[in-house]
Amino acid sequence: MRKRARVIYNPSSGREALKKDMIDILGVFEQAGYETSAFATTPAPNSARDEAERVSREGFDLVVAAGGDGTINEVVNGIAGLKKRPKMAIIPAGTTNDYARALRIPREDPLAAAKVVLKNQTIKMDIGLAGKKYFVNIAGGGRLTELTYEVPSNLKTLFGYLAYLVKGAELLPRIRPFKVDLKYDGEEYDGEASMFFLALTNSVGGFEQIVPDASLNDGKFTMIIVKTSNLAEILRLLTLVLNGGKHINDPRIIYRKVHKVEAKPKGDSKIMINLDGEYGGDAPMTFVNLKQHIETYANLDDIPDAAVETETPEILEAERKFLAGVQELPESEESKK
């Protein structure tokens, strides 16, 4: 039986470039061996999520998320909770395209992005679970993390990344600290912060040096807690980020690799949670990393080796047993001399 693929695309993403290339995009996936069809998302809530879940339950082998990070998030939420999950592919057509950036998928040419499937290279990607919702790139709390869903969608389409920069400049002076209790892998931070976020890739808001040592499939979030709310100090931290990721050892932040995080507001603080650029509810909230949960097409040739854990759990377990067996071997007479 021939494999089936469904391209779920946002017709308003990327200055509406996807519609122009859709026939050629479908042809690429046909060339890759998939009987391919397309679905244009609608303004109805969860349009992409519901379609992704529907075709996954019908046994489709591949779901292609074509649009911005929000479309990708919806598609993941449609398939992540299923026991049998299809593969994913990404065709970026949004504003920042963080997920595509991390997977080294062309971001300016939808047809070139589709052709990544022809290389037949995949990676089993970590995703995050926040309460009952999934995310693929970032979860965060704090005033600046609200930036992405405060920019109207029509401005994103018209002005792209410039819209985010303008809104970011507007929000910076309004950053205020909040009191939070964060428990993570046996540690705890109980105090003031201006923001915190959990990253799954190296690309956050278009900046690739915020998480310079990110791994895409190691079962860990990179957690950053920004303790200062002083505007000058935050600008200084941004300078360190741009200067090769030198912020990670700065005393004004906490930088950790963690599997699970519990976030609770303290006092009268309200913490709105951002999941992949969209409002995801308010804290308290628990975040868990789901290791290697979704197999995704990627341009592996261009992804740094350090960002990919190549050993499977089975290989790691075999190595552990081998080393344990070696340690149990009796010493030779030669080694005792």
C-alpha atoms as a PDB file:
ATOM      1  CA  MET A   1       0.000   0.000   0.000  1.00  0.00           C
ATOM      2  CA  ARG A   2       1.352   3.404  -0.956  1.00  0.00           C
ATOM      3  CA  LYS A   3       2.276   5.791   1.854  1.00  0.00           C
ATOM      4  CA  ARG A   4       0.044   8.835   2.383  1.00  0.00           C
ATOM      5  CA  ALA A   5       0.939  12.408   3.351  1.00  0.00           C
ATOM      6  CA  ARG A   6      -1.214  15.403   4.271  1.00  0.00           C
ATOM      7  CA  VAL A   7       0.098  18.944   3.885  1.00  0.00           C
ATOM      8  CA  ILE A   8      -1.609  21.178   6.438  1.00  0.00           C
ATOM      9  CA  TYR A   9      -0.891  24.771   5.482  1.00  0.00           C
ATOM     10  CA  ASN A  10      -1.785  28.200   6.745  1.00  0.00           C
ATOM     11  CA  PRO A  11      -2.853  30.214   3.663  1.00  0.00           C
ATOM     12  CA  SER A  12      -2.063  33.540   5.346  1.00  0.00           C
ATOM     13  CA  SER A  13       1.488  32.694   6.487  1.00  0.00           C
ATOM     14  CA  GLY A  14       4.603  34.177   4.956  1.00  0.00           C
ATOM     15  CA  ARG A  15       2.854  36.887   2.954  1.00  0.00           C
ATOM     16  CA  GLU A  16       0.647  34.137   1.559  1.00  0.00           C
ATOM     17  CA  ALA A  17       3.489  32.551  -0.437  1.00  0.00           C
ATOM     18  CA  LEU A  18       2.449  28.959   0.225  1.00  0.00           C
ATOM     19  CA  LYS A  19      -0.610  29.021  -2.016  1.00  0.00           C
ATOM     20  CA  LYS A  20       1.510  29.972  -5.020  1.00  0.00           C
ATOM     21  CA  ASP A  21       3.862  26.988  -4.607  1.00  0.00           C
ATOM     22  CA  MET A  22       1.387  24.366  -3.374  1.00  0.00           C
ATOM     23  CA  ILE A  23       1.098  22.346  -6.605  1.00  0.00           C
ATOM     24  CA  ASP A  24       4.890  22.045  -6.826  1.00  0.00           C
ATOM     25  CA  ILE A  25       5.137  21.217  -3.106  1.00  0.00           C
ATOM     26  CA  LEU A  26       2.661  18.366  -3.499  1.00  0.00           C
ATOM     27  CA  GLY A  27       4.751  17.106  -6.408  1.00  0.00           C
ATOM     28  CA  VAL A  28       7.865  16.924  -4.229  1.00  0.00           C
ATOM     29  CA  PHE A  29       6.165  14.674  -1.678  1.00  0.00           C
ATOM     30  CA  GLU A  30       4.781  12.526  -4.513  1.00  0.00           C
ATOM     31  CA  GLN A  31       8.357  12.169  -5.757  1.00  0.00           C
ATOM     32  CA  ALA A  32       9.352  11.052  -2.251  1.00  0.00           C
ATOM     33  CA  GLY A  33       6.841   8.219  -2.472  1.00  0.00           C
ATOM     34  CA  TYR A  34       3.837   9.705  -0.704  1.00  0.00           C
ATOM     35  CA  GLU A  35       0.333   9.987  -2.112  1.00  0.00           C
ATOM     36  CA  THR A  36      -0.127  13.597  -1.080  1.00  0.00           C
ATOM     37  CA  SER A  37      -3.073  15.913  -0.475  1.00  0.00           C
ATOM     38  CA  ALA A  38      -3.438  19.347   1.091  1.00  0.00           C
ATOM     39  CA  PHE A  39      -5.625  21.047   3.686  1.00  0.00           C
ATOM     40  CA  ALA A  40      -5.854  24.828   4.087  1.00  0.00           C
ATOM     41  CA  THR A  41      -6.440  25.855   7.693  1.00  0.00           C
ATOM     42  CA  THR A  42      -9.471  28.001   8.502  1.00  0.00           C
ATOM     43  CA  PRO A  43     -10.075  30.720  11.118  1.00  0.00           C
ATOM     44  CA  ALA A  44     -11.874  28.127  13.264  1.00  0.00           C
ATOM     45  CA  PRO A  45     -10.079  27.391  16.554  1.00  0.00           C
ATOM     46  CA  ASN A  46      -7.637  24.453  16.393  1.00  0.00           C
ATOM     47  CA  SER A  47      -8.174  23.930  12.662  1.00  0.00           C
ATOM     48  CA  ALA A  48      -4.657  22.565  12.063  1.00  0.00           C
ATOM     49  CA  ARG A  49      -4.668  20.506  15.257  1.00  0.00           C
ATOM     50  CA  ASP A  50      -7.963  18.807  14.470  1.00  0.00           C
ATOM     51  CA  GLU A  51      -6.960  17.961  10.904  1.00  0.00           C
ATOM     52  CA  ALA A  52      -3.593  16.565  12.058  1.00  0.00           C
ATOM     53  CA  GLU A  53      -5.323  14.338  14.594  1.00  0.00           C
ATOM     54  CA  ARG A  54      -7.938  13.213  12.072  1.00  0.00           C
ATOM     55  CA  VAL A  55      -5.478  12.092   9.389  1.00  0.00           C
ATOM     56  CA  SER A  56      -3.178  10.500  11.977  1.00  0.00           C
ATOM     57  CA  ARG A  57      -6.031   8.363  13.262  1.00  0.00           C
ATOM     58  CA  GLU A  58      -6.825   7.412   9.649  1.00  0.00           C
ATOM     59  CA  GLY A  59      -3.321   6.011   9.304  1.00  0.00           C
ATOM     60  CA  PHE A  60      -1.523   8.700   7.281  1.00  0.00           C
ATOM     61  CA  ASP A  61       2.229   8.137   7.322  1.00  0.00           C
ATOM     62  CA  LEU A  62       3.341  11.778   7.180  1.00  0.00           C
ATOM     63  CA  VAL A  63       1.882  15.095   8.309  1.00  0.00           C
ATOM     64  CA  VAL A  64       3.487  18.231   6.870  1.00  0.00           C
ATOM     65  CA  ALA A  65       3.113  21.441   8.875  1.00  0.00           C
ATOM     66  CA  ALA A  66       3.358  24.378   6.466  1.00  0.00           C
ATOM     67  CA  GLY A  67       3.199  27.798   8.092  1.00  0.00           C
ATOM     68  CA  GLY A  68       4.661  29.596  11.068  1.00  0.00           C
ATOM     69  CA  ASP A  69       5.633  28.259  14.481  1.00  0.00           C
ATOM     70  CA  GLY A  70       1.988  28.503  15.557  1.00  0.00           C
ATOM     71  CA  THR A  71       0.878  26.141  12.790  1.00  0.00           C
ATOM     72  CA  ILE A  72       3.661  23.705  13.697  1.00  0.00           C
ATOM     73  CA  ASN A  73       2.566  23.817  17.342  1.00  0.00           C
ATOM     74  CA  GLU A  74      -1.027  23.025  16.402  1.00  0.00           C
ATOM     75  CA  VAL A  75      -0.030  20.083  14.224  1.00  0.00           C
ATOM     76  CA  VAL A  76       2.145  18.670  17.008  1.00  0.00           C
ATOM     77  CA  ASN A  77      -0.751  19.018  19.444  1.00  0.00           C
ATOM     78  CA  GLY A  78      -2.852  16.995  17.025  1.00  0.00           C
ATOM     79  CA  ILE A  79      -0.482  14.022  16.892  1.00  0.00           C
ATOM     80  CA  ALA A  80       1.603  14.061  20.097  1.00  0.00           C
ATOM     81  CA  GLY A  81      -1.027  12.446  22.294  1.00  0.00           C
ATOM     82  CA  LEU A  82      -1.559   9.491  19.977  1.00  0.00           C
ATOM     83  CA  LYS A  83       0.007   6.093  20.580  1.00  0.00           C
ATOM     84  CA  LYS A  84       0.807   5.652  16.873  1.00  0.00           C
ATOM     85  CA  ARG A  85       2.216   8.891  15.494  1.00  0.00           C
ATOM     86  CA  PRO A  86       3.076   9.717  11.874  1.00  0.00           C
ATOM     87  CA  LYS A  87       6.311  11.328  10.816  1.00  0.00           C
ATOM     88  CA  MET A  88       6.400  15.124  10.494  1.00  0.00           C
ATOM     89  CA  ALA A  89       7.876  17.504   7.961  1.00  0.00           C
ATOM     90  CA  ILE A  90       8.152  21.289   8.167  1.00  0.00           C
ATOM     91  CA  ILE A  91       7.682  23.963   5.514  1.00  0.00           C
ATOM     92  CA  PRO A  92       8.317  27.316   7.215  1.00  0.00           C
ATOM     93  CA  ALA A  93       6.325  30.350   6.139  1.00  0.00           C
ATOM     94  CA  GLY A  94       6.062  32.387   9.328  1.00  0.00           C
ATOM     95  CA  THR A  95       7.906  35.286  10.907  1.00  0.00           C
ATOM     96  CA  THR A  96      10.726  33.860  13.036  1.00  0.00           C
ATOM     97  CA  ASN A  97      10.539  30.171  12.040  1.00  0.00           C
ATOM     98  CA  ASP A  98      12.543  29.031  15.056  1.00  0.00           C
ATOM     99  CA  TYR A  99      11.780  25.347  14.623  1.00  0.00           C
ATOM    100  CA  ALA A 100      12.796  25.299  10.967  1.00  0.00           C
ATOM    101  CA  ARG A 101      15.922  27.265  11.816  1.00  0.00           C
ATOM    102  CA  ALA A 102      16.941  24.591  14.330  1.00  0.00           C
ATOM    103  CA  LEU A 103      16.322  21.796  11.809  1.00  0.00           C
ATOM    104  CA  ARG A 104      18.314  23.695   9.148  1.00  0.00           C
ATOM    105  CA  ILE A 105      15.349  23.788   6.790  1.00  0.00           C
ATOM    106  CA  PRO A 106      15.338  26.613   4.187  1.00  0.00           C
ATOM    107  CA  ARG A 107      13.186  29.444   5.537  1.00  0.00           C
ATOM    108  CA  GLU A 108      12.832  31.716   2.518  1.00  0.00           C
ATOM    109  CA  ASP A 109      11.846  29.172  -0.131  1.00  0.00           C
ATOM    110  CA  PRO A 110       8.893  26.844   0.607  1.00  0.00           C
ATOM    111  CA  LEU A 111       9.705  24.582  -2.334  1.00  0.00           C
ATOM    112  CA  ALA A 112      13.323  24.159  -1.194  1.00  0.00           C
ATOM    113  CA  ALA A 113      12.020  23.360   2.297  1.00  0.00           C
ATOM    114  CA  ALA A 114       9.771  20.637   0.892  1.00  0.00           C
ATOM    115  CA  LYS A 115      12.710  19.091  -0.978  1.00  0.00           C
ATOM    116  CA  VAL A 116      14.412  18.297   2.354  1.00  0.00           C
ATOM    117  CA  VAL A 117      12.175  15.198   2.406  1.00  0.00           C
ATOM    118  CA  LEU A 118      14.033  13.872  -0.633  1.00  0.00           C
ATOM    119  CA  LYS A 119      17.214  13.503   1.462  1.00  0.00           C
ATOM    120  CA  ASN A 120      15.337  10.986   3.630  1.00  0.00           C
ATOM    121  CA  GLN A 121      17.008  12.216   6.834  1.00  0.00           C
ATOM    122  CA  THR A 122      14.974  12.240  10.050  1.00  0.00           C
ATOM    123  CA  ILE A 123      15.540  12.943  13.728  1.00  0.00           C
ATOM    124  CA  LYS A 124      13.424  11.885  16.686  1.00  0.00           C
ATOM    125  CA  MET A 125      12.752  15.262  18.301  1.00  0.00           C
ATOM    126  CA  ASP A 126      12.062  16.045  21.940  1.00  0.00           C
ATOM    127  CA  ILE A 127       8.863  17.959  22.631  1.00  0.00           C
ATOM    128  CA  GLY A 128       7.475  19.511  25.802  1.00  0.00           C
ATOM    129  CA  LEU A 129       4.256  18.884  27.689  1.00  0.00           C
ATOM    130  CA  ALA A 130       2.838  21.870  29.625  1.00  0.00           C
ATOM    131  CA  GLY A 131      -0.228  20.828  31.565  1.00  0.00           C
ATOM    132  CA  LYS A 132      -2.295  19.234  28.809  1.00  0.00           C
ATOM    133  CA  LYS A 133      -0.717  21.124  25.902  1.00  0.00           C
ATOM    134  CA  TYR A 134       2.394  20.312  23.896  1.00  0.00           C
ATOM    135  CA  PHE A 135       5.117  22.633  22.609  1.00  0.00           C
ATOM    136  CA  VAL A 136       8.074  22.122  20.289  1.00  0.00           C
ATOM    137  CA  ASN A 137      10.346  25.112  20.748  1.00  0.00           C
ATOM    138  CA  ILE A 138       9.807  27.235  23.840  1.00  0.00           C
ATOM    139  CA  ALA A 139       7.708  27.721  26.935  1.00  0.00           C
ATOM    140  CA  GLY A 140       8.118  30.836  29.030  1.00  0.00           C
ATOM    141  CA  GLY A 141       6.680  33.310  31.473  1.00  0.00           C
ATOM    142  CA  GLY A 142       7.227  37.027  31.974  1.00  0.00           C
ATOM    143  CA  ARG A 143       6.458  40.277  30.200  1.00  0.00           C
ATOM    144  CA  LEU A 144       8.891  39.901  27.301  1.00  0.00           C
ATOM    145  CA  THR A 145       7.701  36.355  26.551  1.00  0.00           C
ATOM    146  CA  GLU A 146       4.251  37.858  25.891  1.00  0.00           C
ATOM    147  CA  LEU A 147       5.696  39.704  22.890  1.00  0.00           C
ATOM    148  CA  THR A 148       4.777  37.090  20.279  1.00  0.00           C
ATOM    149  CA  TYR A 149       1.064  37.001  20.967  1.00  0.00           C
ATOM    150  CA  GLU A 150       0.745  40.768  21.404  1.00  0.00           C
ATOM    151  CA  VAL A 151       1.712  41.380  17.768  1.00  0.00           C
ATOM    152  CA  PRO A 152      -1.473  41.218  15.626  1.00  0.00           C
ATOM    153  CA  SER A 153      -1.410  38.541  12.911  1.00  0.00           C
ATOM    154  CA  ASN A 154      -2.019  41.080  10.143  1.00  0.00           C
ATOM    155  CA  LEU A 155       1.123  42.981  11.179  1.00  0.00           C
ATOM    156  CA  LYS A 156       3.134  39.738  11.220  1.00  0.00           C
ATOM    157  CA  THR A 157       2.038  39.069   7.645  1.00  0.00           C
ATOM    158  CA  LEU A 158       2.739  42.601   6.402  1.00  0.00           C
ATOM    159  CA  PHE A 159       5.916  43.490   8.276  1.00  0.00           C
ATOM    160  CA  GLY A 160       7.371  40.130   9.363  1.00  0.00           C
ATOM    161  CA  TYR A 161      10.201  40.221  11.891  1.00  0.00           C
ATOM    162  CA  LEU A 162      10.124  44.039  11.984  1.00  0.00           C
ATOM    163  CA  ALA A 163       6.759  43.803  13.775  1.00  0.00           C
ATOM    164  CA  TYR A 164       8.390  41.846  16.597  1.00  0.00           C
ATOM    165  CA  LEU A 165      11.286  44.272  16.893  1.00  0.00           C
ATOM    166  CA  VAL A 166       8.944  47.260  17.173  1.00  0.00           C
ATOM    167  CA  LYS A 167       6.799  45.521  19.794  1.00  0.00           C
ATOM    168  CA  GLY A 168       9.888  44.370  21.691  1.00  0.00           C
ATOM    169  CA  ALA A 169      11.216  47.923  21.919  1.00  0.00           C
ATOM    170  CA  GLU A 170       7.823  48.977  23.270  1.00  0.00           C
ATOM    171  CA  LEU A 171       7.730  46.241  25.928  1.00  0.00           C
ATOM    172  CA  LEU A 172      11.299  46.518  27.264  1.00  0.00           C
ATOM    173  CA  PRO A 173      10.668  49.567  29.471  1.00  0.00           C
ATOM    174  CA  ARG A 174       7.536  47.868  30.878  1.00  0.00           C
ATOM    175  CA  ILE A 175       9.336  44.794  32.222  1.00  0.00           C
ATOM    176  CA  ARG A 176       8.501  44.245  35.888  1.00  0.00           C
ATOM    177  CA  PRO A 177       9.661  41.505  38.247  1.00  0.00           C
ATOM    178  CA  PHE A 178       7.313  38.846  39.544  1.00  0.00           C
ATOM    179  CA  LYS A 179       7.673  36.413  42.422  1.00  0.00           C
ATOM    180  CA  VAL A 180       7.893  32.778  41.397  1.00  0.00           C
ATOM    181  CA  ASP A 181       8.736  29.386  42.812  1.00  0.00           C
ATOM    182  CA  LEU A 182      10.436  27.115  40.255  1.00  0.00           C
ATOM    183  CA  LYS A 183      11.214  23.506  41.177  1.00  0.00           C
ATOM    184  CA  TYR A 184      13.408  21.605  38.726  1.00  0.00           C
ATOM    185  CA  ASP A 185      15.125  18.223  38.967  1.00  0.00           C
ATOM    186  CA  GLY A 186      15.794  18.406  42.701  1.00  0.00           C
ATOM    187  CA  GLU A 187      16.649  22.127  42.775  1.00  0.00           C
ATOM    188  CA  GLU A 188      14.512  25.185  43.492  1.00  0.00           C
ATOM    189  CA  TYR A 189      14.496  28.900  42.796  1.00  0.00           C
ATOM    190  CA  ASP A 190      12.153  30.906  45.015  1.00  0.00           C
ATOM    191  CA  GLY A 191      12.432  34.623  44.341  1.00  0.00           C
ATOM    192  CA  GLU A 192      11.972  37.443  41.865  1.00  0.00           C
ATOM    193  CA  ALA A 193      12.435  37.129  38.118  1.00  0.00           C
ATOM    194  CA  SER A 194      11.627  39.179  35.049  1.00  0.00           C
ATOM    195  CA  MET A 195      11.191  36.104  32.855  1.00  0.00           C
ATOM    196  CA  PHE A 196      11.945  32.417  32.578  1.00  0.00           C
ATOM    197  CA  PHE A 197      11.820  30.073  29.638  1.00  0.00           C
ATOM    198  CA  LEU A 198      12.409  26.464  28.683  1.00  0.00           C
ATOM    199  CA  ALA A 199      13.953  25.909  25.262  1.00  0.00           C
ATOM    200  CA  LEU A 200      13.984  22.743  23.174  1.00  0.00           C
ATOM    201  CA  THR A 201      16.153  24.108  20.351  1.00  0.00           C
ATOM    202  CA  ASN A 202      18.931  26.646  19.955  1.00  0.00           C
ATOM    203  CA  SER A 203      16.718  29.215  18.202  1.00  0.00           C
ATOM    204  CA  VAL A 204      14.552  31.470  20.377  1.00  0.00           C
ATOM    205  CA  GLY A 205      12.894  34.469  18.759  1.00  0.00           C
ATOM    206  CA  GLY A 206      15.358  34.273  15.890  1.00  0.00           C
ATOM    207  CA  PHE A 207      18.391  34.405  18.226  1.00  0.00           C
ATOM    208  CA  GLU A 208      20.541  31.279  17.880  1.00  0.00           C
ATOM    209  CA  GLN A 209      22.944  32.061  20.725  1.00  0.00           C
ATOM    210  CA  ILE A 210      20.436  32.214  23.600  1.00  0.00           C
ATOM    211  CA  VAL A 211      20.917  28.439  23.946  1.00  0.00           C
ATOM    212  CA  PRO A 212      24.347  27.873  22.390  1.00  0.00           C
ATOM    213  CA  ASP A 213      24.639  24.274  23.620  1.00  0.00           C
ATOM    214  CA  ALA A 214      21.112  23.063  22.821  1.00  0.00           C
ATOM    215  CA  SER A 215      20.522  19.394  22.043  1.00  0.00           C
ATOM    216  CA  LEU A 216      17.442  18.492  20.022  1.00  0.00           C
ATOM    217  CA  ASN A 217      16.836  15.023  21.419  1.00  0.00           C
ATOM    218  CA  ASP A 218      18.569  14.515  24.787  1.00  0.00           C
ATOM    219  CA  GLY A 219      15.407  14.589  26.923  1.00  0.00           C
ATOM    220  CA  LYS A 220      16.329  17.927  28.557  1.00  0.00           C
ATOM    221  CA  PHE A 221      15.027  21.476  28.368  1.00  0.00           C
ATOM    222  CA  THR A 222      17.471  24.346  28.578  1.00  0.00           C
ATOM    223  CA  MET A 223      16.034  26.486  31.390  1.00  0.00           C
ATOM    224  CA  ILE A 224      16.949  30.150  31.702  1.00  0.00           C
ATOM    225  CA  ILE A 225      15.733  32.276  34.611  1.00  0.00           C
ATOM    226  CA  VAL A 226      16.434  36.011  34.272  1.00  0.00           C
ATOM    227  CA  LYS A 227      16.601  37.317  37.822  1.00  0.00           C
ATOM    228  CA  THR A 228      17.098  40.986  37.029  1.00  0.00           C
ATOM    229  CA  SER A 229      14.392  43.356  35.788  1.00  0.00           C
ATOM    230  CA  ASN A 230      16.726  46.326  35.414  1.00  0.00           C
ATOM    231  CA  LEU A 231      16.501  47.556  31.814  1.00  0.00           C
ATOM    232  CA  ALA A 232      20.218  48.357  31.525  1.00  0.00           C
ATOM    233  CA  GLU A 233      21.166  44.934  32.866  1.00  0.00           C
ATOM    234  CA  ILE A 234      18.761  43.154  30.499  1.00  0.00           C
ATOM    235  CA  LEU A 235      20.250  45.054  27.558  1.00  0.00           C
ATOM    236  CA  ARG A 236      23.695  44.025  28.807  1.00  0.00           C
ATOM    237  CA  LEU A 237      22.573  40.382  28.876  1.00  0.00           C
ATOM    238  CA  LEU A 238      21.296  40.708  25.302  1.00  0.00           C
ATOM    239  CA  THR A 239      24.709  42.029  24.308  1.00  0.00           C
ATOM    240  CA  LEU A 240      26.327  38.943  25.863  1.00  0.00           C
ATOM    241  CA  VAL A 241      23.879  36.739  23.945  1.00  0.00           C
ATOM    242  CA  LEU A 242      24.848  38.382  20.652  1.00  0.00           C
ATOM    243  CA  ASN A 243      28.532  38.126  21.564  1.00  0.00           C
ATOM    244  CA  GLY A 244      28.703  34.356  21.244  1.00  0.00           C
ATOM    245  CA  GLY A 245      26.338  33.174  23.976  1.00  0.00           C
ATOM    246  CA  LYS A 246      28.491  34.483  26.836  1.00  0.00           C
ATOM    247  CA  HIS A 247      25.461  35.070  29.057  1.00  0.00           C
ATOM    248  CA  ILE A 248      25.207  31.490  30.284  1.00  0.00           C
ATOM    249  CA  ASN A 249      27.608  32.018  33.193  1.00  0.00           C
ATOM    250  CA  ASP A 250      26.328  35.472  34.158  1.00  0.00           C
ATOM    251  CA  PRO A 251      25.201  35.681  37.818  1.00  0.00           C
ATOM    252  CA  ARG A 252      22.029  37.542  36.797  1.00  0.00           C
ATOM    253  CA  ILE A 253      20.616  34.384  35.242  1.00  0.00           C
ATOM    254  CA  ILE A 254      20.241  30.698  36.116  1.00  0.00           C
ATOM    255  CA  TYR A 255      21.103  28.364  33.241  1.00  0.00           C
ATOM    256  CA  ARG A 256      20.314  24.661  33.662  1.00  0.00           C
ATOM    257  CA  LYS A 257      19.558  21.482  31.713  1.00  0.00           C
ATOM    258  CA  VAL A 258      16.375  20.030  33.212  1.00  0.00           C
ATOM    259  CA  HIS A 259      13.797  17.318  32.523  1.00  0.00           C
ATOM    260  CA  LYS A 260      10.865  18.598  34.593  1.00  0.00           C
ATOM    261  CA  VAL A 261       9.908  22.030  35.928  1.00  0.00           C
ATOM    262  CA  GLU A 262       7.077  23.127  38.223  1.00  0.00           C
ATOM    263  CA  ALA A 263       6.273  26.862  38.103  1.00  0.00           C
ATOM    264  CA  LYS A 264       4.093  28.520  40.738  1.00  0.00           C
ATOM    265  CA  PRO A 265       3.398  32.243  41.189  1.00  0.00           C
ATOM    266  CA  LYS A 266       3.985  33.698  44.646  1.00  0.00           C
ATOM    267  CA  GLY A 267       1.874  36.318  46.392  1.00  0.00           C
ATOM    268  CA  ASP A 268      -0.364  38.255  44.017  1.00  0.00           C
ATOM    269  CA  SER A 269       1.832  37.599  40.961  1.00  0.00           C
ATOM    270  CA  LYS A 270       0.153  36.431  37.762  1.00  0.00           C
ATOM    271  CA  ILE A 271       2.310  34.558  35.279  1.00  0.00           C
ATOM    272  CA  MET A 272       0.988  34.113  31.748  1.00  0.00           C
ATOM    273  CA  ILE A 273       2.622  31.171  29.971  1.00  0.00           C
ATOM    274  CA  ASN A 274       3.801  31.423  26.371  1.00  0.00           C
ATOM    275  CA  LEU A 275       3.902  28.161  24.413  1.00  0.00           C
ATOM    276  CA  ASP A 276       5.589  28.454  21.008  1.00  0.00           C
ATOM    277  CA  GLY A 277       4.507  32.064  20.668  1.00  0.00           C
ATOM    278  CA  GLU A 278       0.890  31.638  21.771  1.00  0.00           C
ATOM    279  CA  TYR A 279      -0.872  32.117  25.099  1.00  0.00           C
ATOM    280  CA  GLY A 280      -0.924  28.751  26.857  1.00  0.00           C
ATOM    281  CA  GLY A 281      -2.681  29.526  30.147  1.00  0.00           C
ATOM    282  CA  ASP A 282      -1.516  30.810  33.514  1.00  0.00           C
ATOM    283  CA  ALA A 283       0.834  29.303  36.106  1.00  0.00           C
ATOM    284  CA  PRO A 284       0.863  27.166  38.192  1.00  0.00           C
ATOM    285  CA  MET A 285       1.977  24.773  35.490  1.00  0.00           C
ATOM    286  CA  THR A 286       4.190  21.693  35.193  1.00  0.00           C
ATOM    287  CA  PHE A 287       6.492  21.180  32.206  1.00  0.00           C
ATOM    288  CA  VAL A 288       7.872  17.777  31.211  1.00  0.00           C
ATOM    289  CA  ASN A 289      10.291  16.904  28.403  1.00  0.00           C
ATOM    290  CA  LEU A 290       9.095  13.984  26.235  1.00  0.00           C
ATOM    291  CA  LYS A 291      12.301  12.545  24.834  1.00  0.00           C
ATOM    292  CA  GLN A 292      12.504  11.712  21.114  1.00  0.00           C
ATOM    293  CA  HIS A 293       8.719  11.815  20.832  1.00  0.00           C
ATOM    294  CA  ILE A 294       8.152  12.770  17.167  1.00  0.00           C
ATOM    295  CA  GLU A 295      10.207  11.688  14.158  1.00  0.00           C
ATOM    296  CA  THR A 296      10.768  14.708  11.934  1.00  0.00           C
ATOM    297  CA  TYR A 297      12.429  15.260   8.573  1.00  0.00           C
ATOM    298  CA  ALA A 298      15.490  17.478   8.952  1.00  0.00           C
ATOM    299  CA  ASN A 299      18.578  18.618   7.084  1.00  0.00           C
ATOM    300  CA  LEU A 300      20.883  16.525   9.283  1.00  0.00           C
ATOM    301  CA  ASP A 301      23.958  17.277   7.186  1.00  0.00           C
ATOM    302  CA  ASP A 302      23.869  20.888   8.413  1.00  0.00           C
ATOM    303  CA  ILE A 303      22.925  20.281  12.076  1.00  0.00           C
ATOM    304  CA  PRO A 304      25.964  20.301  14.418  1.00  0.00           C
ATOM    305  CA  ASP A 305      26.798  16.868  15.803  1.00  0.00           C
ATOM    306  CA  ALA A 306      26.595  18.224  19.354  1.00  0.00           C
ATOM    307  CA  ALA A 307      22.919  19.072  18.840  1.00  0.00           C
ATOM    308  CA  VAL A 308      21.937  15.477  18.084  1.00  0.00           C
ATOM    309  CA  GLU A 309      22.116  12.521  20.428  1.00  0.00           C
ATOM    310  CA  THR A 310      22.945   9.697  18.050  1.00  0.00           C
ATOM    311  CA  GLU A 311      22.913   6.828  20.538  1.00  0.00           C
ATOM    312  CA  THR A 312      19.522   5.217  20.895  1.00  0.00           C
ATOM    313  CA  PRO A 313      18.268   4.236  24.369  1.00  0.00           C
ATOM    314  CA  GLU A 314      18.904   0.599  23.418  1.00  0.00           C
ATOM    315  CA  ILE A 315      22.539   1.311  22.576  1.00  0.00           C
ATOM    316  CA  LEU A 316      23.043   3.314  25.770  1.00  0.00           C
ATOM    317  CA  GLU A 317      21.603   0.462  27.832  1.00  0.00           C
ATOM    318  CA  ALA A 318      23.860  -2.047  26.068  1.00  0.00           C
ATOM    319  CA  GLU A 319      26.893   0.161  26.808  1.00  0.00           C
ATOM    320  CA  ARG A 320      25.889   0.403  30.461  1.00  0.00           C
ATOM    321  CA  LYS A 321      25.584  -3.388  30.787  1.00  0.00           C
ATOM    322  CA  PHE A 322      28.908  -3.879  29.006  1.00  0.00           C
ATOM    323  CA  LEU A 323      30.736  -1.508  31.364  1.00  0.00           C
ATOM    324  CA  ALA A 324      29.064  -3.101  34.389  1.00  0.00           C
ATOM    325  CA  GLY A 325      30.154  -6.519  33.152  1.00  0.00           C
ATOM    326  CA  VAL A 326      33.726  -5.333  32.658  1.00  0.00           C
ATOM    327  CA  GLN A 327      33.851  -4.004  36.224  1.00  0.00           C
ATOM    328  CA  GLU A 328      32.728  -7.388  37.549  1.00  0.00           C
ATOM    329  CA  LEU A 329      35.489  -9.318  35.766  1.00  0.00           C
ATOM    330  CA  PRO A 330      38.245 -10.643  38.066  1.00  0.00           C
ATOM    331  CA  GLU A 331      41.546  -8.868  37.862  1.00  0.00           C
ATOM    332  CA  SER A 332      44.246 -10.682  35.925  1.00  0.00           C
ATOM    333  CA  GLU A 333      47.438 -11.622  37.663  1.00  0.00           C
ATOM    334  CA  GLU A 334      49.287  -9.151  35.427  1.00  0.00           C
ATOM    335  CA  SER A 335      47.094  -6.233  36.509  1.00  0.00           C
ATOM    336  CA  LYS A 336      47.646  -6.999  40.189  1.00  0.00           C
ATOM    337  CA  LYS A 337      51.421  -6.540  39.864  1.00  0.00           C
END
